[in-house]
Amino acid sequence: MGDQAAFLKLLLKHQTDIKAFIGSLVRDAHLREDVFQDVVLTAWEQFDKYDPDRSFGAWARGVAANKVLHRRHQDRRFPVTFSNETIQAVLEAFDRTEKEAGLRAEALQECLKALSERSRHLLAMRYGQGLSGQEISRRASTSLDAVYQALFRVRAALEKCIRHRIGAGGAEA
């Protein structure tokens, strides 16, 4: 995959998080968009310096933090009231959240594999196809209460499995 395609794929995957980070620091919508555009341009220009072993989201948020700090330094009226330390703390919080979400997503994938075919099918109907409990009940020829109880049990089992996997450092459950 070429640099341009790799960059676009990573940018599209992380743009919501990058915008959220910028939005947590810059309240004005037009300025947020200006900063985001600057971040995209700078990230593209410096993409050859990006280390693929590192999270692209974390790298791009670092570029965004630098852009916000630079703009504040250039223009004292730039509406960012946070100190450099606070901006750094927000950046670190976003990085931790991204890592935790990644761990949860990996654990979820493994836990889904451990479910019975029936449970996976039930989840696929409810969340994959977006079917209502009533429609699932009709298709499965069972009561609505039975569908809700089964969904409750499957979600509880997934949550327990995810907690166990994350608590065990990702070890097999």
Protein backbone atom coordinates (compact mmCIF):
# COMPACT_ATOMS: atom_id res chain seq x y z
CA MET A 1 0.00 0.00 0.00
CA GLY A 2 1.40 3.39 -0.97
CA ASP A 3 2.06 6.18 1.50
CA GLN A 4 -0.97 8.14 0.33
CA ALA A 5 -3.34 5.19 0.73
CA ALA A 6 -1.85 4.22 4.10
CA PHE A 7 -2.13 7.80 5.34
CA LEU A 8 -5.75 8.15 4.22
CA LYS A 9 -6.72 4.83 5.78
CA LEU A 10 -5.18 5.81 9.12
CA LEU A 11 -6.59 9.33 8.99
CA LEU A 12 -10.12 8.08 8.30
CA LYS A 13 -9.85 5.58 11.13
CA HIS A 14 -8.69 8.21 13.66
CA GLN A 15 -10.21 11.49 12.46
CA THR A 16 -13.08 11.40 14.97
CA ASP A 17 -10.67 11.01 17.89
CA ILE A 18 -8.37 13.71 16.54
CA LYS A 19 -11.29 16.10 16.17
CA ALA A 20 -12.53 15.21 19.65
CA PHE A 21 -9.11 15.96 21.10
CA ILE A 22 -8.96 19.31 19.33
CA GLY A 23 -12.53 20.02 20.42
CA SER A 24 -11.63 19.36 24.04
CA LEU A 25 -9.13 22.24 23.82
CA VAL A 26 -10.67 24.65 21.30
CA ARG A 27 -14.31 25.64 21.72
CA ASP A 28 -14.81 27.75 18.58
CA ALA A 29 -16.06 25.51 15.75
CA HIS A 30 -14.29 27.43 12.98
CA LEU A 31 -10.99 27.46 14.83
CA ARG A 32 -11.35 23.73 15.60
CA GLU A 33 -11.75 23.02 11.89
CA ASP A 34 -8.77 25.26 11.05
CA VAL A 35 -6.60 23.42 13.58
CA PHE A 36 -7.77 20.05 12.24
CA GLN A 37 -6.87 21.07 8.69
CA ASP A 38 -3.43 22.20 9.90
CA VAL A 39 -2.97 18.88 11.68
CA VAL A 40 -3.90 16.89 8.57
CA LEU A 41 -1.53 18.92 6.40
CA THR A 42 1.34 18.63 8.88
CA ALA A 43 0.70 14.93 9.46
CA TRP A 44 0.76 14.34 5.69
CA GLU A 45 3.98 16.35 5.28
CA GLN A 46 5.62 14.46 8.16
CA PHE A 47 4.11 11.03 7.49
CA ASP A 48 7.54 9.66 6.61
CA LYS A 49 8.52 10.35 10.26
CA TYR A 50 5.56 8.39 11.65
CA ASP A 51 6.56 5.15 13.39
CA PRO A 52 4.03 2.45 12.39
CA ASP A 53 4.74 0.60 15.65
CA ARG A 54 3.08 3.53 17.44
CA SER A 55 -0.58 4.47 17.41
CA PHE A 56 -1.36 6.83 14.55
CA GLY A 57 -4.09 8.41 16.69
CA ALA A 58 -1.62 9.19 19.49
CA TRP A 59 0.90 10.58 16.98
CA ALA A 60 -1.69 12.77 15.27
CA ARG A 61 -3.03 14.02 18.62
CA GLY A 62 0.55 14.97 19.49
CA VAL A 63 0.70 16.96 16.25
CA ALA A 64 -2.62 18.57 17.21
CA ALA A 65 -1.37 19.50 20.69
CA ASN A 66 1.69 21.13 19.13
CA LYS A 67 -0.52 23.04 16.67
CA VAL A 68 -2.74 24.33 19.48
CA LEU A 69 0.27 25.39 21.56
CA HIS A 70 1.91 27.03 18.54
CA ARG A 71 -1.23 28.98 17.66
CA ARG A 72 -1.62 30.12 21.25
CA HIS A 73 2.00 31.26 21.28
CA GLN A 74 1.54 33.16 18.00
CA ASP A 75 -1.78 34.76 18.95
CA ARG A 76 -2.50 35.52 22.61
CA ARG A 77 -6.18 35.94 21.68
CA PHE A 78 -6.37 32.31 20.51
CA PRO A 79 -9.10 30.95 22.80
CA VAL A 80 -7.27 28.21 24.69
CA THR A 81 -7.18 28.88 28.40
CA PHE A 82 -5.51 25.64 29.42
CA SER A 83 -1.92 25.54 30.59
CA ASN A 84 0.67 23.49 28.72
CA GLU A 85 0.53 20.94 31.55
CA THR A 86 -3.25 20.63 31.24
CA ILE A 87 -3.00 20.13 27.48
CA GLN A 88 -0.39 17.42 28.10
CA ALA A 89 -2.69 15.76 30.67
CA VAL A 90 -5.60 15.78 28.19
CA LEU A 91 -3.31 14.26 25.55
CA GLU A 92 -2.24 11.49 27.94
CA ALA A 93 -5.87 10.82 28.91
CA PHE A 94 -6.82 10.38 25.24
CA ASP A 95 -3.89 7.99 24.78
CA ARG A 96 -4.94 5.89 27.79
CA THR A 97 -8.53 5.78 26.57
CA GLU A 98 -7.42 4.65 23.11
CA LYS A 99 -5.32 1.83 24.60
CA GLU A 100 -8.14 0.72 26.91
CA ALA A 101 -10.65 0.72 24.04
CA GLY A 102 -8.27 -1.36 21.95
CA LEU A 103 -7.87 -3.89 24.75
CA ARG A 104 -11.64 -4.09 25.20
CA ALA A 105 -12.19 -4.56 21.47
CA GLU A 106 -9.62 -7.38 21.32
CA ALA A 107 -11.15 -9.03 24.38
CA LEU A 108 -14.64 -8.71 22.87
CA GLN A 109 -13.51 -10.43 19.66
CA GLU A 110 -12.07 -13.34 21.65
CA CYS A 111 -15.12 -13.56 23.91
CA LEU A 112 -17.47 -13.59 20.93
CA LYS A 113 -15.60 -16.61 19.57
CA ALA A 114 -16.24 -18.44 22.85
CA LEU A 115 -20.03 -17.98 22.64
CA SER A 116 -22.32 -20.68 21.33
CA GLU A 117 -23.49 -20.42 17.74
CA ARG A 118 -27.01 -19.71 19.02
CA SER A 119 -25.79 -16.78 21.16
CA ARG A 120 -23.76 -15.33 18.30
CA HIS A 121 -26.78 -15.64 16.01
CA LEU A 122 -28.96 -13.85 18.58
CA LEU A 123 -26.42 -11.00 18.85
CA ALA A 124 -26.14 -10.82 15.06
CA MET A 125 -29.89 -10.43 14.70
CA ARG A 126 -30.14 -7.79 17.42
CA TYR A 127 -27.00 -5.71 16.77
CA GLY A 128 -25.84 -6.74 13.31
CA GLN A 129 -29.21 -6.60 11.61
CA GLY A 130 -30.77 -4.15 14.08
CA LEU A 131 -33.86 -6.29 14.61
CA SER A 132 -36.23 -5.49 17.45
CA GLY A 133 -36.82 -7.96 20.25
CA GLN A 134 -40.28 -8.52 18.87
CA GLU A 135 -38.95 -9.41 15.40
CA ILE A 136 -36.35 -11.77 16.88
CA SER A 137 -39.10 -13.37 18.96
CA ARG A 138 -41.21 -13.88 15.84
CA ARG A 139 -38.33 -15.33 13.81
CA ALA A 140 -37.18 -17.63 16.61
CA SER A 141 -40.75 -18.69 17.49
CA THR A 142 -40.22 -17.86 21.14
CA SER A 143 -41.60 -15.36 23.63
CA LEU A 144 -40.40 -11.78 23.76
CA ASP A 145 -39.45 -12.31 27.40
CA ALA A 146 -37.26 -15.28 26.43
CA VAL A 147 -35.47 -13.13 23.84
CA TYR A 148 -34.80 -10.36 26.38
CA GLN A 149 -33.61 -12.87 28.99
CA ALA A 150 -31.28 -14.53 26.47
CA LEU A 151 -29.86 -11.18 25.37
CA PHE A 152 -29.35 -10.17 29.00
CA ARG A 153 -27.47 -13.41 29.74
CA VAL A 154 -25.30 -13.15 26.63
CA ARG A 155 -24.37 -9.52 27.36
CA ALA A 156 -23.61 -10.41 30.99
CA ALA A 157 -21.43 -13.33 29.88
CA LEU A 158 -19.57 -11.08 27.42
CA GLU A 159 -18.99 -8.42 30.05
CA LYS A 160 -17.67 -11.01 32.51
CA CYS A 161 -15.41 -12.51 29.85
CA ILE A 162 -14.08 -9.09 28.81
CA ARG A 163 -13.38 -8.11 32.42
CA HIS A 164 -11.60 -11.41 32.99
CA ARG A 165 -9.47 -11.07 29.87
CA ILE A 166 -8.51 -7.48 30.59
CA GLY A 167 -7.89 -8.28 34.25
CA ALA A 168 -5.72 -11.20 33.23
CA GLY A 169 -3.69 -8.96 30.94
CA GLY A 170 -5.20 -10.46 27.83
CA ALA A 171 -4.40 -14.04 28.83
CA GLU A 172 -6.71 -16.79 27.67
CA ALA A 173 -9.95 -16.93 29.68
